Amino acid sequence: MTTGERAPIVTDRQTIQDNIYATLRGQICLLELTPGIIMSSNEVAESMSLLMHRSVSRTPVREAFIRLAKEGLVSMLPQHGTVVTRIDPQRAMEEQLLRYTLETANLEDFQRNASTADYDGLRGVIEEQTNAIEAGHTIEYIRLDNEFHHRQFRISGHTLYLDIITTFNSHYDRIRNLTTWDYANVKNSIRQHQEILCHLEQGELEQAQNLLKDHLTKLENEKQSLFEHYPDYFTVQR
């Protein structure tokens, strides 16, 4: 993450617990809260009170911890506090396979439904991605990267697919976000977005699906380098 960047504070959910959960989840997935860090409900409640400009008690914080624990993002240890889990490479690869399966299946209906305006809109997202990364705004780049993929599900009408991959993606997302710290990798991802869109617009579904597979599974080739550079971020390799 670029120095000085912070994960966004979420304040638009239905309850304070939802806001705290979404804010903490973002901080963990964007690696602002790094694997192994210990959190206390008291300290998080005080921090959230300052960030959200309102009084926050420990109760919604503890409830948010329970939700995060169910996703495997934290471990709640009696007498020790709540610990941000290390990234589980095996779980990340399973989440990756789930995302690849659903996103590949989605492309055919996206291609059938997409209008010229939809393609123009996605090109605009890619342009914004380029501008964000050139300005050093990594978090904004990640938001736009998600928007490029998520918008395709909304256009195709498969919002259930989108709900599934955004719910079961936390370990994979942390690895994805680690790769954005490499400028060359980011530029390659942007290029692949452009090529996928071009194939789809030209009716070349199979070529788009093949490129999407390479785009979503390239972590297989990158993970060993990540293990070496960030060994404390990962569980013991299997």
C-alpha atoms as a PDB file:
ATOM      1  CA  MET A   1       0.000   0.000   0.000  1.00  0.00           C
ATOM      2  CA  THR A   2       1.302   3.443  -0.876  1.00  0.00           C
ATOM      3  CA  THR A   3       2.598   5.352   2.149  1.00  0.00           C
ATOM      4  CA  GLY A   4      -0.131   7.445   3.711  1.00  0.00           C
ATOM      5  CA  GLU A   5      -3.016   5.546   2.137  1.00  0.00           C
ATOM      6  CA  ARG A   6      -5.708   4.245   4.445  1.00  0.00           C
ATOM      7  CA  ALA A   7      -8.550   1.827   3.906  1.00  0.00           C
ATOM      8  CA  PRO A   8     -11.896   3.651   3.631  1.00  0.00           C
ATOM      9  CA  ILE A   9     -14.103   4.091   6.681  1.00  0.00           C
ATOM     10  CA  VAL A  10     -17.529   2.590   5.986  1.00  0.00           C
ATOM     11  CA  THR A  11     -20.466   4.558   7.393  1.00  0.00           C
ATOM     12  CA  ASP A  12     -23.368   3.800   5.015  1.00  0.00           C
ATOM     13  CA  ARG A  13     -24.478   0.363   6.240  1.00  0.00           C
ATOM     14  CA  GLN A  14     -27.686  -0.356   8.140  1.00  0.00           C
ATOM     15  CA  THR A  15     -26.142  -0.739  11.605  1.00  0.00           C
ATOM     16  CA  ILE A  16     -23.019   0.400  13.436  1.00  0.00           C
ATOM     17  CA  GLN A  17     -21.947  -3.247  13.662  1.00  0.00           C
ATOM     18  CA  ASP A  18     -22.191  -3.539   9.868  1.00  0.00           C
ATOM     19  CA  ASN A  19     -20.077  -0.402   9.478  1.00  0.00           C
ATOM     20  CA  ILE A  20     -17.425  -1.657  11.891  1.00  0.00           C
ATOM     21  CA  TYR A  21     -17.344  -5.078  10.248  1.00  0.00           C
ATOM     22  CA  ALA A  22     -16.995  -3.614   6.741  1.00  0.00           C
ATOM     23  CA  THR A  23     -14.325  -1.143   7.883  1.00  0.00           C
ATOM     24  CA  LEU A  24     -12.252  -3.809   9.649  1.00  0.00           C
ATOM     25  CA  ARG A  25     -12.670  -6.245   6.772  1.00  0.00           C
ATOM     26  CA  GLY A  26     -11.395  -3.593   4.376  1.00  0.00           C
ATOM     27  CA  GLN A  27      -8.433  -2.820   6.627  1.00  0.00           C
ATOM     28  CA  ILE A  28      -7.540  -6.513   6.802  1.00  0.00           C
ATOM     29  CA  CYS A  29      -8.006  -7.265   3.095  1.00  0.00           C
ATOM     30  CA  LEU A  30      -6.049  -4.146   2.117  1.00  0.00           C
ATOM     31  CA  LEU A  31      -3.334  -5.204   4.578  1.00  0.00           C
ATOM     32  CA  GLU A  32      -3.542  -2.058   6.666  1.00  0.00           C
ATOM     33  CA  LEU A  33      -4.139  -4.514   9.494  1.00  0.00           C
ATOM     34  CA  THR A  34      -1.370  -6.972   8.760  1.00  0.00           C
ATOM     35  CA  PRO A  35      -1.431 -10.717   9.472  1.00  0.00           C
ATOM     36  CA  GLY A  36      -0.480 -11.485  13.069  1.00  0.00           C
ATOM     37  CA  ILE A  37      -1.498  -8.131  14.537  1.00  0.00           C
ATOM     38  CA  ILE A  38      -3.421  -8.336  17.828  1.00  0.00           C
ATOM     39  CA  MET A  39      -6.544  -6.222  18.341  1.00  0.00           C
ATOM     40  CA  SER A  40      -8.525  -5.567  21.501  1.00  0.00           C
ATOM     41  CA  SER A  41     -12.203  -4.690  21.484  1.00  0.00           C
ATOM     42  CA  ASN A  42     -11.478  -1.693  23.725  1.00  0.00           C
ATOM     43  CA  GLU A  43      -8.836  -0.259  21.416  1.00  0.00           C
ATOM     44  CA  VAL A  44     -10.902  -0.869  18.283  1.00  0.00           C
ATOM     45  CA  ALA A  45     -13.966   0.723  19.904  1.00  0.00           C
ATOM     46  CA  GLU A  46     -11.908   3.819  20.753  1.00  0.00           C
ATOM     47  CA  SER A  47     -10.430   3.947  17.251  1.00  0.00           C
ATOM     48  CA  MET A  48     -13.823   3.543  15.579  1.00  0.00           C
ATOM     49  CA  SER A  49     -15.288   6.256  17.794  1.00  0.00           C
ATOM     50  CA  LEU A  50     -12.684   8.671  16.463  1.00  0.00           C
ATOM     51  CA  LEU A  51     -12.965   7.539  12.857  1.00  0.00           C
ATOM     52  CA  MET A  52     -16.766   7.506  12.754  1.00  0.00           C
ATOM     53  CA  HIS A  53     -17.259  10.614  14.904  1.00  0.00           C
ATOM     54  CA  ARG A  54     -19.663   8.859  17.242  1.00  0.00           C
ATOM     55  CA  SER A  55     -19.517   6.794  20.414  1.00  0.00           C
ATOM     56  CA  VAL A  56     -18.797   3.129  19.716  1.00  0.00           C
ATOM     57  CA  SER A  57     -19.060   0.495  22.442  1.00  0.00           C
ATOM     58  CA  ARG A  58     -17.278  -2.841  22.626  1.00  0.00           C
ATOM     59  CA  THR A  59     -20.441  -4.822  21.830  1.00  0.00           C
ATOM     60  CA  PRO A  60     -20.666  -4.088  18.068  1.00  0.00           C
ATOM     61  CA  VAL A  61     -16.890  -4.514  17.827  1.00  0.00           C
ATOM     62  CA  ARG A  62     -17.091  -7.994  19.360  1.00  0.00           C
ATOM     63  CA  GLU A  63     -19.969  -8.844  17.008  1.00  0.00           C
ATOM     64  CA  ALA A  64     -17.860  -7.702  14.059  1.00  0.00           C
ATOM     65  CA  PHE A  65     -14.978  -9.866  15.303  1.00  0.00           C
ATOM     66  CA  ILE A  66     -17.297 -12.897  15.326  1.00  0.00           C
ATOM     67  CA  ARG A  67     -18.295 -12.263  11.695  1.00  0.00           C
ATOM     68  CA  LEU A  68     -14.662 -11.850  10.674  1.00  0.00           C
ATOM     69  CA  ALA A  69     -13.746 -15.055  12.500  1.00  0.00           C
ATOM     70  CA  LYS A  70     -16.358 -16.947  10.475  1.00  0.00           C
ATOM     71  CA  GLU A  71     -14.553 -15.794   7.316  1.00  0.00           C
ATOM     72  CA  GLY A  72     -11.204 -16.905   8.674  1.00  0.00           C
ATOM     73  CA  LEU A  73      -9.865 -13.363   8.862  1.00  0.00           C
ATOM     74  CA  VAL A  74      -9.352 -13.253  12.634  1.00  0.00           C
ATOM     75  CA  SER A  75      -8.916 -15.704  15.491  1.00  0.00           C
ATOM     76  CA  MET A  76     -10.470 -14.820  18.838  1.00  0.00           C
ATOM     77  CA  LEU A  77      -8.143 -16.035  21.578  1.00  0.00           C
ATOM     78  CA  PRO A  78      -9.329 -15.877  25.209  1.00  0.00           C
ATOM     79  CA  GLN A  79      -7.010 -13.807  27.407  1.00  0.00           C
ATOM     80  CA  HIS A  80      -4.940 -12.765  24.374  1.00  0.00           C
ATOM     81  CA  GLY A  81      -7.201 -10.683  22.160  1.00  0.00           C
ATOM     82  CA  THR A  82      -8.263 -11.018  18.555  1.00  0.00           C
ATOM     83  CA  VAL A  83      -5.515 -11.824  16.053  1.00  0.00           C
ATOM     84  CA  VAL A  84      -5.590 -11.098  12.324  1.00  0.00           C
ATOM     85  CA  THR A  85      -4.983 -14.482  10.707  1.00  0.00           C
ATOM     86  CA  ARG A  86      -2.167 -15.186   8.343  1.00  0.00           C
ATOM     87  CA  ILE A  87      -3.073 -15.828   4.716  1.00  0.00           C
ATOM     88  CA  ASP A  88      -3.833 -19.484   4.033  1.00  0.00           C
ATOM     89  CA  PRO A  89      -2.484 -20.252   0.532  1.00  0.00           C
ATOM     90  CA  GLN A  90      -4.641 -23.362   0.167  1.00  0.00           C
ATOM     91  CA  ARG A  91      -7.822 -21.490   1.034  1.00  0.00           C
ATOM     92  CA  ALA A  92      -6.789 -18.650  -1.266  1.00  0.00           C
ATOM     93  CA  MET A  93      -6.409 -21.050  -4.192  1.00  0.00           C
ATOM     94  CA  GLU A  94      -9.834 -22.575  -3.480  1.00  0.00           C
ATOM     95  CA  GLU A  95     -11.358 -19.090  -3.428  1.00  0.00           C
ATOM     96  CA  GLN A  96      -9.534 -18.357  -6.670  1.00  0.00           C
ATOM     97  CA  LEU A  97     -11.028 -21.454  -8.316  1.00  0.00           C
ATOM     98  CA  LEU A  98     -14.497 -20.453  -7.154  1.00  0.00           C
ATOM     99  CA  ARG A  99     -14.081 -16.992  -8.606  1.00  0.00           C
ATOM    100  CA  TYR A 100     -12.650 -18.298 -11.879  1.00  0.00           C
ATOM    101  CA  THR A 101     -15.509 -20.769 -12.320  1.00  0.00           C
ATOM    102  CA  LEU A 102     -18.236 -18.188 -11.738  1.00  0.00           C
ATOM    103  CA  GLU A 103     -16.592 -15.366 -13.654  1.00  0.00           C
ATOM    104  CA  THR A 104     -15.879 -17.539 -16.691  1.00  0.00           C
ATOM    105  CA  ALA A 105     -19.469 -18.784 -16.701  1.00  0.00           C
ATOM    106  CA  ASN A 106     -20.650 -15.180 -16.483  1.00  0.00           C
ATOM    107  CA  LEU A 107     -18.900 -13.994 -19.649  1.00  0.00           C
ATOM    108  CA  GLU A 108     -21.337 -15.522 -22.120  1.00  0.00           C
ATOM    109  CA  ASP A 109     -24.350 -13.735 -20.626  1.00  0.00           C
ATOM    110  CA  PHE A 110     -22.336 -10.557 -20.223  1.00  0.00           C
ATOM    111  CA  GLN A 111     -21.490 -10.640 -23.916  1.00  0.00           C
ATOM    112  CA  ARG A 112     -25.145 -11.250 -24.778  1.00  0.00           C
ATOM    113  CA  ASN A 113     -26.418  -8.375 -22.641  1.00  0.00           C
ATOM    114  CA  ALA A 114     -23.688  -5.733 -22.911  1.00  0.00           C
ATOM    115  CA  SER A 115     -24.466  -2.569 -24.846  1.00  0.00           C
ATOM    116  CA  THR A 116     -22.070  -0.148 -26.500  1.00  0.00           C
ATOM    117  CA  ALA A 117     -22.536   2.103 -23.461  1.00  0.00           C
ATOM    118  CA  ASP A 118     -21.566  -0.779 -21.172  1.00  0.00           C
ATOM    119  CA  TYR A 119     -18.328  -1.359 -23.092  1.00  0.00           C
ATOM    120  CA  ASP A 120     -17.592   2.372 -23.056  1.00  0.00           C
ATOM    121  CA  GLY A 121     -18.198   2.437 -19.315  1.00  0.00           C
ATOM    122  CA  LEU A 122     -15.782  -0.422 -18.712  1.00  0.00           C
ATOM    123  CA  ARG A 123     -13.158   1.293 -20.844  1.00  0.00           C
ATOM    124  CA  GLY A 124     -13.635   4.320 -18.627  1.00  0.00           C
ATOM    125  CA  VAL A 125     -12.973   2.147 -15.569  1.00  0.00           C
ATOM    126  CA  ILE A 126      -9.746   0.889 -17.159  1.00  0.00           C
ATOM    127  CA  GLU A 127      -8.662   4.467 -17.892  1.00  0.00           C
ATOM    128  CA  GLU A 128      -9.355   5.439 -14.291  1.00  0.00           C
ATOM    129  CA  GLN A 129      -7.296   2.439 -13.141  1.00  0.00           C
ATOM    130  CA  THR A 130      -4.356   3.646 -15.186  1.00  0.00           C
ATOM    131  CA  ASN A 131      -4.664   7.171 -13.785  1.00  0.00           C
ATOM    132  CA  ALA A 132      -4.923   5.866 -10.221  1.00  0.00           C
ATOM    133  CA  ILE A 133      -1.832   3.694 -10.364  1.00  0.00           C
ATOM    134  CA  GLU A 134       0.213   6.385 -12.119  1.00  0.00           C
ATOM    135  CA  ALA A 135      -0.726   8.750  -9.283  1.00  0.00           C
ATOM    136  CA  GLY A 136       0.301   6.144  -6.704  1.00  0.00           C
ATOM    137  CA  HIS A 137      -3.260   5.627  -5.437  1.00  0.00           C
ATOM    138  CA  THR A 138      -3.148   1.873  -4.883  1.00  0.00           C
ATOM    139  CA  ILE A 139      -6.390   1.613  -2.905  1.00  0.00           C
ATOM    140  CA  GLU A 140      -8.311   3.471  -5.599  1.00  0.00           C
ATOM    141  CA  TYR A 141      -6.757   1.167  -8.203  1.00  0.00           C
ATOM    142  CA  ILE A 142      -7.962  -1.873  -6.216  1.00  0.00           C
ATOM    143  CA  ARG A 143     -11.473  -0.407  -5.947  1.00  0.00           C
ATOM    144  CA  LEU A 144     -11.556   0.120  -9.712  1.00  0.00           C
ATOM    145  CA  ASP A 145     -10.146  -3.345 -10.361  1.00  0.00           C
ATOM    146  CA  ASN A 146     -13.059  -4.784  -8.408  1.00  0.00           C
ATOM    147  CA  GLU A 147     -15.487  -2.498 -10.214  1.00  0.00           C
ATOM    148  CA  PHE A 148     -14.272  -3.773 -13.623  1.00  0.00           C
ATOM    149  CA  HIS A 149     -15.049  -7.365 -12.654  1.00  0.00           C
ATOM    150  CA  HIS A 150     -18.151  -6.736 -10.545  1.00  0.00           C
ATOM    151  CA  ARG A 151     -19.860  -4.571 -13.160  1.00  0.00           C
ATOM    152  CA  GLN A 152     -19.783  -7.489 -15.602  1.00  0.00           C
ATOM    153  CA  PHE A 153     -21.877  -9.567 -13.186  1.00  0.00           C
ATOM    154  CA  ARG A 154     -24.405  -6.766 -12.823  1.00  0.00           C
ATOM    155  CA  ILE A 155     -24.665  -6.386 -16.609  1.00  0.00           C
ATOM    156  CA  SER A 156     -25.180 -10.113 -17.102  1.00  0.00           C
ATOM    157  CA  GLY A 157     -27.766 -10.220 -14.317  1.00  0.00           C
ATOM    158  CA  HIS A 158     -25.877 -12.791 -12.227  1.00  0.00           C
ATOM    159  CA  THR A 159     -25.836 -10.849  -8.978  1.00  0.00           C
ATOM    160  CA  LEU A 160     -25.884 -14.090  -6.955  1.00  0.00           C
ATOM    161  CA  TYR A 161     -22.515 -14.989  -8.524  1.00  0.00           C
ATOM    162  CA  LEU A 162     -21.260 -11.579  -7.419  1.00  0.00           C
ATOM    163  CA  ASP A 163     -22.548 -12.050  -3.869  1.00  0.00           C
ATOM    164  CA  ILE A 164     -20.758 -15.405  -3.645  1.00  0.00           C
ATOM    165  CA  ILE A 165     -17.356 -14.212  -4.832  1.00  0.00           C
ATOM    166  CA  THR A 166     -17.422 -11.085  -2.666  1.00  0.00           C
ATOM    167  CA  THR A 167     -18.332 -13.148   0.410  1.00  0.00           C
ATOM    168  CA  PHE A 168     -15.844 -15.988  -0.057  1.00  0.00           C
ATOM    169  CA  ASN A 169     -12.725 -14.216  -1.250  1.00  0.00           C
ATOM    170  CA  SER A 170     -10.875 -12.805   1.755  1.00  0.00           C
ATOM    171  CA  HIS A 171      -7.649 -14.841   1.604  1.00  0.00           C
ATOM    172  CA  TYR A 172      -7.465 -14.641  -2.193  1.00  0.00           C
ATOM    173  CA  ASP A 173      -8.111 -10.900  -2.034  1.00  0.00           C
ATOM    174  CA  ARG A 174      -5.255 -10.353   0.387  1.00  0.00           C
ATOM    175  CA  ILE A 175      -2.876 -12.084  -2.011  1.00  0.00           C
ATOM    176  CA  ARG A 176      -4.304 -10.116  -4.946  1.00  0.00           C
ATOM    177  CA  ASN A 177      -3.792  -6.893  -3.057  1.00  0.00           C
ATOM    178  CA  LEU A 178      -0.207  -7.837  -2.222  1.00  0.00           C
ATOM    179  CA  THR A 179       0.516  -8.122  -5.953  1.00  0.00           C
ATOM    180  CA  THR A 180      -0.580  -4.508  -6.497  1.00  0.00           C
ATOM    181  CA  TRP A 181       2.587  -3.403  -4.727  1.00  0.00           C
ATOM    182  CA  ASP A 182       4.430  -4.484  -7.907  1.00  0.00           C
ATOM    183  CA  TYR A 183       4.035  -1.829 -10.631  1.00  0.00           C
ATOM    184  CA  ALA A 184       4.859  -4.195 -13.497  1.00  0.00           C
ATOM    185  CA  ASN A 185       2.235  -6.652 -12.330  1.00  0.00           C
ATOM    186  CA  VAL A 186      -0.392  -3.917 -12.164  1.00  0.00           C
ATOM    187  CA  LYS A 187       0.379  -2.726 -15.686  1.00  0.00           C
ATOM    188  CA  ASN A 188       0.068  -6.284 -16.968  1.00  0.00           C
ATOM    189  CA  SER A 189      -3.337  -6.643 -15.261  1.00  0.00           C
ATOM    190  CA  ILE A 190      -4.573  -3.435 -16.885  1.00  0.00           C
ATOM    191  CA  ARG A 191      -3.405  -4.683 -20.281  1.00  0.00           C
ATOM    192  CA  GLN A 192      -5.298  -7.947 -19.753  1.00  0.00           C
ATOM    193  CA  HIS A 193      -8.456  -6.021 -18.861  1.00  0.00           C
ATOM    194  CA  GLN A 194      -8.175  -4.162 -22.151  1.00  0.00           C
ATOM    195  CA  GLU A 195      -7.653  -7.365 -24.126  1.00  0.00           C
ATOM    196  CA  ILE A 196     -10.510  -9.236 -22.423  1.00  0.00           C
ATOM    197  CA  LEU A 197     -12.870  -6.390 -23.237  1.00  0.00           C
ATOM    198  CA  CYS A 198     -11.674  -6.272 -26.846  1.00  0.00           C
ATOM    199  CA  HIS A 199     -12.252 -10.015 -27.346  1.00  0.00           C
ATOM    200  CA  LEU A 200     -15.740  -9.784 -25.859  1.00  0.00           C
ATOM    201  CA  GLU A 201     -16.738  -6.829 -27.993  1.00  0.00           C
ATOM    202  CA  GLN A 202     -15.538  -8.638 -31.119  1.00  0.00           C
ATOM    203  CA  GLY A 203     -17.555 -11.737 -30.247  1.00  0.00           C
ATOM    204  CA  GLU A 204     -14.491 -13.819 -29.384  1.00  0.00           C
ATOM    205  CA  LEU A 205     -15.874 -15.483 -26.259  1.00  0.00           C
ATOM    206  CA  GLU A 206     -13.441 -18.386 -26.091  1.00  0.00           C
ATOM    207  CA  GLN A 207     -10.427 -16.102 -26.411  1.00  0.00           C
ATOM    208  CA  ALA A 208     -11.825 -13.873 -23.671  1.00  0.00           C
ATOM    209  CA  GLN A 209     -12.403 -16.864 -21.391  1.00  0.00           C
ATOM    210  CA  ASN A 210      -8.885 -18.162 -21.975  1.00  0.00           C
ATOM    211  CA  LEU A 211      -7.395 -14.762 -21.186  1.00  0.00           C
ATOM    212  CA  LEU A 212      -9.584 -14.447 -18.095  1.00  0.00           C
ATOM    213  CA  LYS A 213      -8.251 -17.790 -16.903  1.00  0.00           C
ATOM    214  CA  ASP A 214      -4.696 -16.509 -17.226  1.00  0.00           C
ATOM    215  CA  HIS A 215      -5.701 -13.240 -15.571  1.00  0.00           C
ATOM    216  CA  LEU A 216      -7.302 -14.881 -12.538  1.00  0.00           C
ATOM    217  CA  THR A 217      -4.877 -17.773 -12.059  1.00  0.00           C
ATOM    218  CA  LYS A 218      -1.586 -15.931 -12.498  1.00  0.00           C
ATOM    219  CA  LEU A 219      -1.186 -15.990  -8.728  1.00  0.00           C
ATOM    220  CA  GLU A 220      -0.005 -19.576  -9.149  1.00  0.00           C
ATOM    221  CA  ASN A 221       3.138 -18.161 -10.753  1.00  0.00           C
ATOM    222  CA  GLU A 222       3.489 -15.278  -8.320  1.00  0.00           C
ATOM    223  CA  LYS A 223       2.847 -16.882  -4.946  1.00  0.00           C
ATOM    224  CA  GLN A 224       6.351 -18.283  -4.427  1.00  0.00           C
ATOM    225  CA  SER A 225       7.805 -14.793  -4.791  1.00  0.00           C
ATOM    226  CA  LEU A 226       5.210 -13.492  -2.340  1.00  0.00           C
ATOM    227  CA  PHE A 227       6.107 -16.240   0.161  1.00  0.00           C
ATOM    228  CA  GLU A 228       9.750 -15.169  -0.056  1.00  0.00           C
ATOM    229  CA  HIS A 229       9.077 -11.427   0.247  1.00  0.00           C
ATOM    230  CA  TYR A 230       6.367 -11.603   2.936  1.00  0.00           C
ATOM    231  CA  PRO A 231       6.972 -14.849   4.870  1.00  0.00           C
ATOM    232  CA  ASP A 232       5.270 -13.556   8.031  1.00  0.00           C
ATOM    233  CA  TYR A 233       2.029 -12.925   6.133  1.00  0.00           C
ATOM    234  CA  PHE A 234       1.382 -16.585   5.322  1.00  0.00           C
ATOM    235  CA  THR A 235       0.584 -19.776   7.192  1.00  0.00           C
ATOM    236  CA  VAL A 236       3.078 -22.647   6.932  1.00  0.00           C
ATOM    237  CA  GLN A 237       3.214 -23.712   3.312  1.00  0.00           C
ATOM    238  CA  ARG A 238       1.620 -27.023   2.559  1.00  0.00           C
END
